[in-house]
Every structure is written in C-alpha cells, then in structure tokens.
Amino acid sequence: MTQNIKLIASDVDGTLINSEHQATEYTKEVIHRLKDHGIDFVIATGRSYDGALGVAQQLDIVEEGYGIICLNGLRTYNLPHEECVDGRTMTYEECMKMEQLGKKYHMGILYCYDDVIYFQMENIAYQDYTIGMKHNKLRFFKDRANTEEVQALSDIKHRFDANDPILKIVFVQNDDYLDLVFGRIKKEIHYDFDLLLVGHGWAEIMPKSVNKGEALIAYAASKGIKPEEIVAFGDAENDISMISRVGLGVAMENAMGSLKAVAKDMTDTNDNDGVAKYIEKILEDRK
C-alpha cells in the first residue's frame, strides 16, 4: 500500500516533535528526503499559524512548498506564501454557552485569538487547578503566548462586535479532575461542537465542521491526491478525524487509547523519532 502514498500529514505536539519541543536532526533529514520520492508533506496541528510555522522553520521546510493545517483545521496555509483557507468560527452566543458550561465544571477558560489568549478562571477553580501542578502550573503559557486575564466573556464582547474571529475555546484544569469530569462535559456540549481531549488537563472546543480530517482531505484534493493516498500520524483526540479518514492512519506509541482504537498501525513514541522511523520504512518500500 505504501507504494501509492503521495502525501504524509503529521500532528506536532506528542507526535512530530519530542518532549523538549524539538524536531530531531533525524526527523528533519527524513522529511527532507520525501521530495526525492514525490511525496508531499503537511503539518496538521491544533497550534496557531505562528506556532506551526516555528516547527516548519525547525524542519527547514518553509520554502519547500509544503502545507500547514493549524487550529485543528480552522485554517490551512500553502507555504511559502501565506495563502489561507478559513473555516467557520464561533458566535458570541455560542461562546456564552461554553462559558456557562466551563463555569459549571470549574474550568479555566481560554478564548484564543490571533493576537492574544484571554484567560478566565474563578478563584476556587484556580485553586483546584494548582493542586498537584507544582512548578508546572499554567505550563501551557510558557511558549511566549500573549495572555490577558478577564472576568467574563462579556469583557471581550467588543472583539465579536468588531467581527474579530475567535479561533477556539479551551478548557484547562487539574489533570486528574478534568479526566474525571470530561465525559460529563462532553455529554452537555451542543451537538454542533466537539470537545476534544488534546493533552493532560487540556480540552479544546471546535465546531464539528472544523477538524483536521476535513481540512486534510480538502488540502489533498487541491493537489489531486485521494484520501487512500495519504498517511497521517497523531497522538490525541483532535487527530482522530484525520487518522480515521486516510488510507493509513498511524498512532504514536504514546497516543491516547481513543486514537489507537481507530488507527490502522502504530509507531514508536515521539521521543524516539516514531514519525521519522515510520516514514523511513515507507521510503525503503519504494526502492
């Protein structure tokens, strides 16, 4: 089957890069060999464009004509130009429902925009969040993200009034607590939206029509590539939509059980160059 592969898609965190947030030299070398075999490559991540671009720069592939699918499929870019295809965003009224749900379950709520992440968390919820977090508390804000604390969604209504698109909403909380209540919250999410457990203590809310799978299939189609000609790598629930729709969906050894359940194959962990090792096998099969 790998003889017919024309496109490889990879998630970033927990997949393409290691726990130190770095792409190894081995990974870079293997990805650079894809062009010699006529295989395209695309990054598919929950990160923003800037965060995904940083990974592309690490890999030194910005000028290679590859793609970036970011924000779980909300935006797709064709490098090296910043041509963008946008998906649907959430309305103020929809975000209000998410705020109410987050407050009900004592979540920290992140309202993510291009220029800033607004952070809302009640005192009791913050105390729950910091229990057991030690020096890692608020660890998700260490990548130089611009954050601003707000007391309520209404504090940023002016962004909606100005038609500034919100990129996504994230619920954050103490790992153990979020694991405990995640299923309950998921049952209360409106049917038009998905709640996706992306990492420990981190769950993202996106419209159902916005996901990596839809964006990847559309990106591939723009290049004349069929779903069965795609290999995709991932580790979390926001990767299920693409892992389940392509010809060969591959789960990392460190992936969540829900993703492994739909994957057709598995590779080594992100800390052991799992993506690069699997791609190497694909390239060996084509000789």
C-alpha atoms as a PDB file:
ATOM      1  CA  MET A   1       0.000   0.000   0.000  1.00  0.00           C
ATOM      2  CA  THR A   2       2.828   2.420   0.783  1.00  0.00           C
ATOM      3  CA  GLN A   3       3.820   2.346  -2.884  1.00  0.00           C
ATOM      4  CA  ASN A   4       0.828   4.594  -3.615  1.00  0.00           C
ATOM      5  CA  ILE A   5       1.453   7.187  -0.890  1.00  0.00           C
ATOM      6  CA  LYS A   6       1.512  10.762  -2.218  1.00  0.00           C
ATOM      7  CA  LEU A   7       1.010  12.799   0.977  1.00  0.00           C
ATOM      8  CA  ILE A   8       2.136  12.476   4.600  1.00  0.00           C
ATOM      9  CA  ALA A   9       0.417  14.510   7.323  1.00  0.00           C
ATOM     10  CA  SER A  10       1.664  14.804  10.881  1.00  0.00           C
ATOM     11  CA  ASP A  11       0.438  16.303  14.107  1.00  0.00           C
ATOM     12  CA  VAL A  12       3.089  18.267  16.029  1.00  0.00           C
ATOM     13  CA  ASP A  13       2.965  18.025  19.824  1.00  0.00           C
ATOM     14  CA  GLY A  14       3.350  14.485  21.091  1.00  0.00           C
ATOM     15  CA  THR A  15       3.958  13.333  17.515  1.00  0.00           C
ATOM     16  CA  LEU A  16       6.444  15.105  15.237  1.00  0.00           C
ATOM     17  CA  ILE A  17       8.451  16.838  17.957  1.00  0.00           C
ATOM     18  CA  ASN A  18       9.808  15.425  21.201  1.00  0.00           C
ATOM     19  CA  SER A  19       9.039  16.324  24.807  1.00  0.00           C
ATOM     20  CA  GLU A  20      11.609  19.116  24.612  1.00  0.00           C
ATOM     21  CA  HIS A  21       9.519  20.661  21.800  1.00  0.00           C
ATOM     22  CA  GLN A  22      12.259  19.962  19.277  1.00  0.00           C
ATOM     23  CA  ALA A  23      12.382  18.202  15.920  1.00  0.00           C
ATOM     24  CA  THR A  24      15.467  15.991  15.861  1.00  0.00           C
ATOM     25  CA  GLU A  25      18.072  16.096  13.123  1.00  0.00           C
ATOM     26  CA  TYR A  26      16.989  12.595  12.111  1.00  0.00           C
ATOM     27  CA  THR A  27      13.377  13.745  11.665  1.00  0.00           C
ATOM     28  CA  LYS A  28      14.490  16.732   9.601  1.00  0.00           C
ATOM     29  CA  GLU A  29      16.681  14.573   7.383  1.00  0.00           C
ATOM     30  CA  VAL A  30      13.927  12.020   6.708  1.00  0.00           C
ATOM     31  CA  ILE A  31      11.300  14.653   5.894  1.00  0.00           C
ATOM     32  CA  HIS A  32      13.685  16.376   3.502  1.00  0.00           C
ATOM     33  CA  ARG A  33      14.004  13.111   1.570  1.00  0.00           C
ATOM     34  CA  LEU A  34      10.260  12.964   0.843  1.00  0.00           C
ATOM     35  CA  LYS A  35      10.523  15.262  -2.172  1.00  0.00           C
ATOM     36  CA  ASP A  36      13.020  12.907  -3.794  1.00  0.00           C
ATOM     37  CA  HIS A  37      10.272  10.278  -3.762  1.00  0.00           C
ATOM     38  CA  GLY A  38       7.492  12.567  -4.999  1.00  0.00           C
ATOM     39  CA  ILE A  39       5.724  12.683  -1.611  1.00  0.00           C
ATOM     40  CA  ASP A  40       4.123  15.870  -0.284  1.00  0.00           C
ATOM     41  CA  PHE A  41       4.100  16.792   3.416  1.00  0.00           C
ATOM     42  CA  VAL A  42       1.742  18.801   5.607  1.00  0.00           C
ATOM     43  CA  ILE A  43       1.760  19.749   9.276  1.00  0.00           C
ATOM     44  CA  ALA A  44      -1.683  19.302  10.899  1.00  0.00           C
ATOM     45  CA  THR A  45      -1.848  20.796  14.380  1.00  0.00           C
ATOM     46  CA  GLY A  46      -4.009  22.470  16.986  1.00  0.00           C
ATOM     47  CA  ARG A  47      -1.392  25.191  17.243  1.00  0.00           C
ATOM     48  CA  SER A  48      -1.795  28.651  15.781  1.00  0.00           C
ATOM     49  CA  TYR A  49      -0.133  29.528  12.486  1.00  0.00           C
ATOM     50  CA  ASP A  50       2.839  31.139  14.239  1.00  0.00           C
ATOM     51  CA  GLY A  51       3.326  28.073  16.431  1.00  0.00           C
ATOM     52  CA  ALA A  52       3.122  25.730  13.445  1.00  0.00           C
ATOM     53  CA  LEU A  53       5.396  27.958  11.373  1.00  0.00           C
ATOM     54  CA  GLY A  54       8.006  27.713  14.121  1.00  0.00           C
ATOM     55  CA  VAL A  55       8.029  23.940  13.687  1.00  0.00           C
ATOM     56  CA  ALA A  56       8.262  24.286   9.894  1.00  0.00           C
ATOM     57  CA  GLN A  57      11.263  26.569  10.439  1.00  0.00           C
ATOM     58  CA  GLN A  58      12.849  23.989  12.734  1.00  0.00           C
ATOM     59  CA  LEU A  59      12.422  21.429   9.976  1.00  0.00           C
ATOM     60  CA  ASP A  60      13.717  23.914   7.387  1.00  0.00           C
ATOM     61  CA  ILE A  61      10.767  23.226   5.066  1.00  0.00           C
ATOM     62  CA  VAL A  62       9.239  26.720   4.778  1.00  0.00           C
ATOM     63  CA  GLU A  63      10.434  27.083   1.177  1.00  0.00           C
ATOM     64  CA  GLU A  64       9.598  23.510   0.156  1.00  0.00           C
ATOM     65  CA  GLY A  65       6.015  24.202  -0.936  1.00  0.00           C
ATOM     66  CA  TYR A  66       4.516  22.122   1.855  1.00  0.00           C
ATOM     67  CA  GLY A  67       1.356  22.980   3.813  1.00  0.00           C
ATOM     68  CA  ILE A  68       0.232  23.859   7.313  1.00  0.00           C
ATOM     69  CA  ILE A  69      -3.174  22.932   8.712  1.00  0.00           C
ATOM     70  CA  CYS A  70      -3.497  24.757  12.023  1.00  0.00           C
ATOM     71  CA  LEU A  71      -6.046  25.377  14.773  1.00  0.00           C
ATOM     72  CA  ASN A  72      -7.443  21.861  14.301  1.00  0.00           C
ATOM     73  CA  GLY A  73      -8.407  22.577  10.708  1.00  0.00           C
ATOM     74  CA  LEU A  74      -9.725  26.120  11.055  1.00  0.00           C
ATOM     75  CA  ARG A  75      -7.013  27.453   8.759  1.00  0.00           C
ATOM     76  CA  THR A  76      -4.932  25.907   6.001  1.00  0.00           C
ATOM     77  CA  TYR A  77      -1.848  27.588   4.548  1.00  0.00           C
ATOM     78  CA  ASN A  78       0.252  26.813   1.497  1.00  0.00           C
ATOM     79  CA  LEU A  79       3.907  27.603   2.138  1.00  0.00           C
ATOM     80  CA  PRO A  80       5.957  29.613   1.428  1.00  0.00           C
ATOM     81  CA  HIS A  81       3.116  32.073   0.844  1.00  0.00           C
ATOM     82  CA  GLU A  82       0.501  32.821   3.495  1.00  0.00           C
ATOM     83  CA  GLU A  83      -2.481  31.959   1.327  1.00  0.00           C
ATOM     84  CA  CYS A  84      -5.159  30.912   3.797  1.00  0.00           C
ATOM     85  CA  VAL A  85      -8.391  28.923   3.657  1.00  0.00           C
ATOM     86  CA  ASP A  86     -10.648  29.687   6.657  1.00  0.00           C
ATOM     87  CA  GLY A  87     -13.260  27.504   8.352  1.00  0.00           C
ATOM     88  CA  ARG A  88     -16.218  28.531  10.493  1.00  0.00           C
ATOM     89  CA  THR A  89     -15.699  30.274  13.840  1.00  0.00           C
ATOM     90  CA  MET A  90     -17.964  30.568  16.886  1.00  0.00           C
ATOM     91  CA  THR A  91     -20.500  33.323  17.562  1.00  0.00           C
ATOM     92  CA  TYR A  92     -20.721  35.281  20.787  1.00  0.00           C
ATOM     93  CA  GLU A  93     -23.934  33.449  21.743  1.00  0.00           C
ATOM     94  CA  GLU A  94     -22.268  30.061  21.182  1.00  0.00           C
ATOM     95  CA  CYS A  95     -19.275  31.102  23.264  1.00  0.00           C
ATOM     96  CA  MET A  96     -21.606  32.206  26.068  1.00  0.00           C
ATOM     97  CA  LYS A  97     -22.938  28.637  26.295  1.00  0.00           C
ATOM     98  CA  MET A  98     -19.378  27.324  26.521  1.00  0.00           C
ATOM     99  CA  GLU A  99     -18.594  29.867  29.233  1.00  0.00           C
ATOM    100  CA  GLN A 100     -21.597  28.710  31.272  1.00  0.00           C
ATOM    101  CA  LEU A 101     -20.543  25.087  30.889  1.00  0.00           C
ATOM    102  CA  GLY A 102     -16.963  25.868  31.847  1.00  0.00           C
ATOM    103  CA  LYS A 103     -18.057  27.728  34.967  1.00  0.00           C
ATOM    104  CA  LYS A 104     -20.403  24.897  35.938  1.00  0.00           C
ATOM    105  CA  TYR A 105     -17.491  22.452  35.966  1.00  0.00           C
ATOM    106  CA  HIS A 106     -14.951  24.905  37.438  1.00  0.00           C
ATOM    107  CA  MET A 107     -12.805  25.072  34.323  1.00  0.00           C
ATOM    108  CA  GLY A 108     -10.253  27.641  33.378  1.00  0.00           C
ATOM    109  CA  ILE A 109     -11.440  29.007  30.021  1.00  0.00           C
ATOM    110  CA  LEU A 110      -9.166  30.242  27.260  1.00  0.00           C
ATOM    111  CA  TYR A 111     -10.596  32.395  24.478  1.00  0.00           C
ATOM    112  CA  CYS A 112      -7.971  32.190  21.737  1.00  0.00           C
ATOM    113  CA  TYR A 113      -7.419  34.947  19.207  1.00  0.00           C
ATOM    114  CA  ASP A 114      -4.629  35.623  16.736  1.00  0.00           C
ATOM    115  CA  ASP A 115      -3.064  38.294  18.922  1.00  0.00           C
ATOM    116  CA  VAL A 116      -3.961  37.270  22.480  1.00  0.00           C
ATOM    117  CA  ILE A 117      -5.333  34.458  24.635  1.00  0.00           C
ATOM    118  CA  TYR A 118      -7.921  35.700  27.113  1.00  0.00           C
ATOM    119  CA  PHE A 119      -7.868  33.657  30.314  1.00  0.00           C
ATOM    120  CA  GLN A 120     -10.892  33.338  32.627  1.00  0.00           C
ATOM    121  CA  MET A 121     -10.813  31.362  35.887  1.00  0.00           C
ATOM    122  CA  GLU A 122     -12.645  31.794  39.174  1.00  0.00           C
ATOM    123  CA  ASN A 123     -10.621  31.722  42.396  1.00  0.00           C
ATOM    124  CA  ILE A 124     -11.924  28.320  43.522  1.00  0.00           C
ATOM    125  CA  ALA A 125     -11.288  26.848  40.073  1.00  0.00           C
ATOM    126  CA  TYR A 126      -7.770  28.282  40.110  1.00  0.00           C
ATOM    127  CA  GLN A 127      -7.097  26.664  43.466  1.00  0.00           C
ATOM    128  CA  ASP A 128      -8.269  23.321  42.052  1.00  0.00           C
ATOM    129  CA  TYR A 129      -6.061  23.856  39.040  1.00  0.00           C
ATOM    130  CA  THR A 130      -2.889  24.462  41.024  1.00  0.00           C
ATOM    131  CA  ILE A 131      -3.339  21.408  43.277  1.00  0.00           C
ATOM    132  CA  GLY A 132      -0.633  18.963  42.290  1.00  0.00           C
ATOM    133  CA  MET A 133       0.624  21.162  39.457  1.00  0.00           C
ATOM    134  CA  LYS A 134       3.714  22.330  41.420  1.00  0.00           C
ATOM    135  CA  HIS A 135       6.175  24.220  39.202  1.00  0.00           C
ATOM    136  CA  ASN A 136       4.236  23.244  36.074  1.00  0.00           C
ATOM    137  CA  LYS A 137       1.156  25.335  36.855  1.00  0.00           C
ATOM    138  CA  LEU A 138      -0.013  27.428  33.915  1.00  0.00           C
ATOM    139  CA  ARG A 139       2.554  25.462  31.909  1.00  0.00           C
ATOM    140  CA  PHE A 140       0.568  25.983  28.707  1.00  0.00           C
ATOM    141  CA  PHE A 141       1.501  29.665  28.654  1.00  0.00           C
ATOM    142  CA  LYS A 142       5.265  29.190  28.583  1.00  0.00           C
ATOM    143  CA  ASP A 143       5.649  29.372  24.803  1.00  0.00           C
ATOM    144  CA  ARG A 144       5.666  33.174  24.802  1.00  0.00           C
ATOM    145  CA  ALA A 145       1.907  33.328  24.299  1.00  0.00           C
ATOM    146  CA  ASN A 146       0.380  36.761  24.924  1.00  0.00           C
ATOM    147  CA  THR A 147      -2.267  36.268  27.642  1.00  0.00           C
ATOM    148  CA  GLU A 148      -4.714  38.633  29.317  1.00  0.00           C
ATOM    149  CA  GLU A 149      -6.950  37.802  32.265  1.00  0.00           C
ATOM    150  CA  VAL A 150     -10.675  38.587  32.018  1.00  0.00           C
ATOM    151  CA  GLN A 151     -13.527  38.132  34.477  1.00  0.00           C
ATOM    152  CA  ALA A 152     -16.143  37.110  31.922  1.00  0.00           C
ATOM    153  CA  LEU A 153     -16.711  36.615  28.200  1.00  0.00           C
ATOM    154  CA  SER A 154     -18.609  39.907  28.189  1.00  0.00           C
ATOM    155  CA  ASP A 155     -15.268  41.665  28.801  1.00  0.00           C
ATOM    156  CA  ILE A 156     -14.282  40.819  25.225  1.00  0.00           C
ATOM    157  CA  LYS A 157     -17.651  41.266  23.504  1.00  0.00           C
ATOM    158  CA  HIS A 158     -16.092  44.135  21.582  1.00  0.00           C
ATOM    159  CA  ARG A 159     -13.986  41.570  19.695  1.00  0.00           C
ATOM    160  CA  PHE A 160     -17.147  39.855  18.447  1.00  0.00           C
ATOM    161  CA  ASP A 161     -18.806  43.190  17.653  1.00  0.00           C
ATOM    162  CA  ALA A 162     -15.752  44.039  15.517  1.00  0.00           C
ATOM    163  CA  ASN A 163     -16.031  40.667  13.733  1.00  0.00           C
ATOM    164  CA  ASP A 164     -12.635  39.549  15.025  1.00  0.00           C
ATOM    165  CA  PRO A 165     -12.785  35.744  14.646  1.00  0.00           C
ATOM    166  CA  ILE A 166     -12.243  33.688  17.775  1.00  0.00           C
ATOM    167  CA  LEU A 167     -10.018  30.742  16.889  1.00  0.00           C
ATOM    168  CA  LYS A 168     -11.069  28.256  19.569  1.00  0.00           C
ATOM    169  CA  ILE A 169     -12.060  27.842  23.211  1.00  0.00           C
ATOM    170  CA  VAL A 170     -10.014  25.696  25.568  1.00  0.00           C
ATOM    171  CA  PHE A 171     -10.951  24.269  28.965  1.00  0.00           C
ATOM    172  CA  VAL A 172      -7.974  23.761  31.300  1.00  0.00           C
ATOM    173  CA  GLN A 173      -7.957  22.213  34.749  1.00  0.00           C
ATOM    174  CA  ASN A 174      -6.011  19.941  37.058  1.00  0.00           C
ATOM    175  CA  ASP A 175      -5.236  16.775  35.087  1.00  0.00           C
ATOM    176  CA  ASP A 176      -6.984  14.331  37.403  1.00  0.00           C
ATOM    177  CA  TYR A 177     -10.083  16.499  37.793  1.00  0.00           C
ATOM    178  CA  LEU A 178     -10.521  17.071  34.054  1.00  0.00           C
ATOM    179  CA  ASP A 179     -10.159  13.342  33.412  1.00  0.00           C
ATOM    180  CA  LEU A 180     -12.910  12.756  35.984  1.00  0.00           C
ATOM    181  CA  VAL A 181     -15.457  15.208  34.549  1.00  0.00           C
ATOM    182  CA  PHE A 182     -14.517  15.135  30.856  1.00  0.00           C
ATOM    183  CA  GLY A 183     -17.232  12.620  29.941  1.00  0.00           C
ATOM    184  CA  ARG A 184     -19.900  14.647  31.749  1.00  0.00           C
ATOM    185  CA  ILE A 185     -18.902  17.860  29.995  1.00  0.00           C
ATOM    186  CA  LYS A 186     -18.832  16.107  26.618  1.00  0.00           C
ATOM    187  CA  LYS A 187     -22.440  14.982  27.085  1.00  0.00           C
ATOM    188  CA  GLU A 188     -23.512  18.582  27.637  1.00  0.00           C
ATOM    189  CA  ILE A 189     -21.678  20.057  24.648  1.00  0.00           C
ATOM    190  CA  HIS A 190     -24.082  21.149  21.901  1.00  0.00           C
ATOM    191  CA  TYR A 191     -24.271  18.637  19.045  1.00  0.00           C
ATOM    192  CA  ASP A 192     -22.748  21.174  16.633  1.00  0.00           C
ATOM    193  CA  PHE A 193     -19.464  21.154  18.581  1.00  0.00           C
ATOM    194  CA  ASP A 194     -16.714  18.754  19.569  1.00  0.00           C
ATOM    195  CA  LEU A 195     -14.898  18.634  22.908  1.00  0.00           C
ATOM    196  CA  LEU A 196     -11.503  17.066  22.299  1.00  0.00           C
ATOM    197  CA  LEU A 197      -9.015  15.938  24.939  1.00  0.00           C
ATOM    198  CA  VAL A 198      -5.772  17.106  23.381  1.00  0.00           C
ATOM    199  CA  GLY A 199      -3.384  16.804  26.329  1.00  0.00           C
ATOM    200  CA  HIS A 200      -3.299  16.361  30.088  1.00  0.00           C
ATOM    201  CA  GLY A 201      -5.637  18.959  31.607  1.00  0.00           C
ATOM    202  CA  TRP A 202      -6.344  20.491  28.183  1.00  0.00           C
ATOM    203  CA  ALA A 203      -9.597  20.107  26.179  1.00  0.00           C
ATOM    204  CA  GLU A 204     -10.429  22.100  23.055  1.00  0.00           C
ATOM    205  CA  ILE A 205     -13.844  23.090  21.703  1.00  0.00           C
ATOM    206  CA  MET A 206     -14.347  23.462  17.962  1.00  0.00           C
ATOM    207  CA  PRO A 207     -17.343  23.432  15.596  1.00  0.00           C
ATOM    208  CA  LYS A 208     -17.872  19.888  14.266  1.00  0.00           C
ATOM    209  CA  SER A 209     -17.390  21.156  10.721  1.00  0.00           C
ATOM    210  CA  VAL A 210     -13.867  22.287  11.669  1.00  0.00           C
ATOM    211  CA  ASN A 211     -11.448  19.402  12.138  1.00  0.00           C
ATOM    212  CA  LYS A 212      -8.127  18.148  10.860  1.00  0.00           C
ATOM    213  CA  GLY A 213      -9.742  15.411   8.785  1.00  0.00           C
ATOM    214  CA  GLU A 214     -11.917  17.739   6.691  1.00  0.00           C
ATOM    215  CA  ALA A 215      -9.047  20.180   6.220  1.00  0.00           C
ATOM    216  CA  LEU A 216      -6.594  17.440   5.254  1.00  0.00           C
ATOM    217  CA  ILE A 217      -8.925  15.879   2.682  1.00  0.00           C
ATOM    218  CA  ALA A 218      -9.583  19.320   1.162  1.00  0.00           C
ATOM    219  CA  TYR A 219      -5.854  20.133   1.095  1.00  0.00           C
ATOM    220  CA  ALA A 220      -5.100  16.817  -0.583  1.00  0.00           C
ATOM    221  CA  ALA A 221      -7.890  17.279  -3.131  1.00  0.00           C
ATOM    222  CA  SER A 222      -6.434  20.653  -4.122  1.00  0.00           C
ATOM    223  CA  LYS A 223      -3.311  18.737  -5.143  1.00  0.00           C
ATOM    224  CA  GLY A 224      -5.166  15.912  -6.876  1.00  0.00           C
ATOM    225  CA  ILE A 225      -4.459  13.446  -4.040  1.00  0.00           C
ATOM    226  CA  LYS A 226      -7.057  10.908  -2.867  1.00  0.00           C
ATOM    227  CA  PRO A 227      -7.673  10.017   0.826  1.00  0.00           C
ATOM    228  CA  GLU A 228      -6.329   6.484   0.254  1.00  0.00           C
ATOM    229  CA  GLU A 229      -3.024   8.028  -0.879  1.00  0.00           C
ATOM    230  CA  ILE A 230      -2.426   9.717   2.487  1.00  0.00           C
ATOM    231  CA  VAL A 231      -0.570   8.606   5.636  1.00  0.00           C
ATOM    232  CA  ALA A 232      -1.345  10.550   8.826  1.00  0.00           C
ATOM    233  CA  PHE A 233       0.336  10.486  12.255  1.00  0.00           C
ATOM    234  CA  GLY A 234      -1.191  11.613  15.559  1.00  0.00           C
ATOM    235  CA  ASP A 235      -1.446  11.099  19.303  1.00  0.00           C
ATOM    236  CA  ALA A 236      -4.621  12.771  20.623  1.00  0.00           C
ATOM    237  CA  GLU A 237      -8.378  13.042  20.102  1.00  0.00           C
ATOM    238  CA  ASN A 238      -8.098  16.007  17.756  1.00  0.00           C
ATOM    239  CA  ASP A 239      -6.212  13.683  15.394  1.00  0.00           C
ATOM    240  CA  ILE A 240      -8.982  11.073  15.176  1.00  0.00           C
ATOM    241  CA  SER A 241     -10.792  12.845  12.334  1.00  0.00           C
ATOM    242  CA  MET A 242      -7.763  12.542  10.056  1.00  0.00           C
ATOM    243  CA  ILE A 243      -6.413   9.207  11.306  1.00  0.00           C
ATOM    244  CA  SER A 244      -9.792   7.602  10.600  1.00  0.00           C
ATOM    245  CA  ARG A 245     -10.251   9.076   7.109  1.00  0.00           C
ATOM    246  CA  VAL A 246      -6.947   8.481   5.369  1.00  0.00           C
ATOM    247  CA  GLY A 247      -5.573   5.384   3.714  1.00  0.00           C
ATOM    248  CA  LEU A 248      -3.133   4.716   6.551  1.00  0.00           C
ATOM    249  CA  GLY A 249      -3.676   6.290   9.964  1.00  0.00           C
ATOM    250  CA  VAL A 250      -0.754   5.729  12.343  1.00  0.00           C
ATOM    251  CA  ALA A 251      -0.893   6.223  16.116  1.00  0.00           C
ATOM    252  CA  MET A 252       2.149   7.053  18.202  1.00  0.00           C
ATOM    253  CA  GLU A 253       3.009   4.557  20.920  1.00  0.00           C
ATOM    254  CA  ASN A 254       2.389   7.403  23.393  1.00  0.00           C
ATOM    255  CA  ALA A 255      -1.049   8.146  21.848  1.00  0.00           C
ATOM    256  CA  MET A 256      -4.348   8.183  23.724  1.00  0.00           C
ATOM    257  CA  GLY A 257      -6.282   4.917  23.701  1.00  0.00           C
ATOM    258  CA  SER A 258      -9.171   6.504  21.816  1.00  0.00           C
ATOM    259  CA  LEU A 259      -6.840   7.306  18.908  1.00  0.00           C
ATOM    260  CA  LYS A 260      -5.143   3.903  18.907  1.00  0.00           C
ATOM    261  CA  ALA A 261      -8.594   2.330  18.610  1.00  0.00           C
ATOM    262  CA  VAL A 262      -9.135   3.866  15.136  1.00  0.00           C
ATOM    263  CA  ALA A 263      -5.558   3.733  13.828  1.00  0.00           C
ATOM    264  CA  LYS A 264      -4.502   1.089  11.328  1.00  0.00           C
ATOM    265  CA  ASP A 265      -0.925   0.922  12.579  1.00  0.00           C
ATOM    266  CA  MET A 266       1.362   2.160  15.319  1.00  0.00           C
ATOM    267  CA  THR A 267       4.877   3.574  15.518  1.00  0.00           C
ATOM    268  CA  ASP A 268       7.406   4.405  18.231  1.00  0.00           C
ATOM    269  CA  THR A 269       6.967   7.344  20.631  1.00  0.00           C
ATOM    270  CA  ASN A 270       7.574  10.981  19.756  1.00  0.00           C
ATOM    271  CA  ASP A 271      10.693  10.892  21.958  1.00  0.00           C
ATOM    272  CA  ASN A 272      12.048   8.003  19.894  1.00  0.00           C
ATOM    273  CA  ASP A 273      11.524   9.546  16.428  1.00  0.00           C
ATOM    274  CA  GLY A 274       8.406   7.466  15.756  1.00  0.00           C
ATOM    275  CA  VAL A 275       7.284   9.523  12.756  1.00  0.00           C
ATOM    276  CA  ALA A 276      10.706   9.537  11.120  1.00  0.00           C
ATOM    277  CA  LYS A 277      11.162   5.788  11.663  1.00  0.00           C
ATOM    278  CA  TYR A 278       7.828   5.021  10.004  1.00  0.00           C
ATOM    279  CA  ILE A 279       8.493   7.352   7.071  1.00  0.00           C
ATOM    280  CA  GLU A 280      11.873   5.682   6.641  1.00  0.00           C
ATOM    281  CA  LYS A 281      10.090   2.331   6.240  1.00  0.00           C
ATOM    282  CA  ILE A 282       7.767   3.864   3.624  1.00  0.00           C
ATOM    283  CA  LEU A 283      10.745   5.171   1.661  1.00  0.00           C
ATOM    284  CA  GLU A 284      12.512   1.812   1.896  1.00  0.00           C
ATOM    285  CA  ASP A 285       9.415   0.093   0.459  1.00  0.00           C
ATOM    286  CA  ARG A 286       9.525   2.396  -2.569  1.00  0.00           C
ATOM    287  CA  LYS A 287      13.043   1.477  -3.597  1.00  0.00           C
END
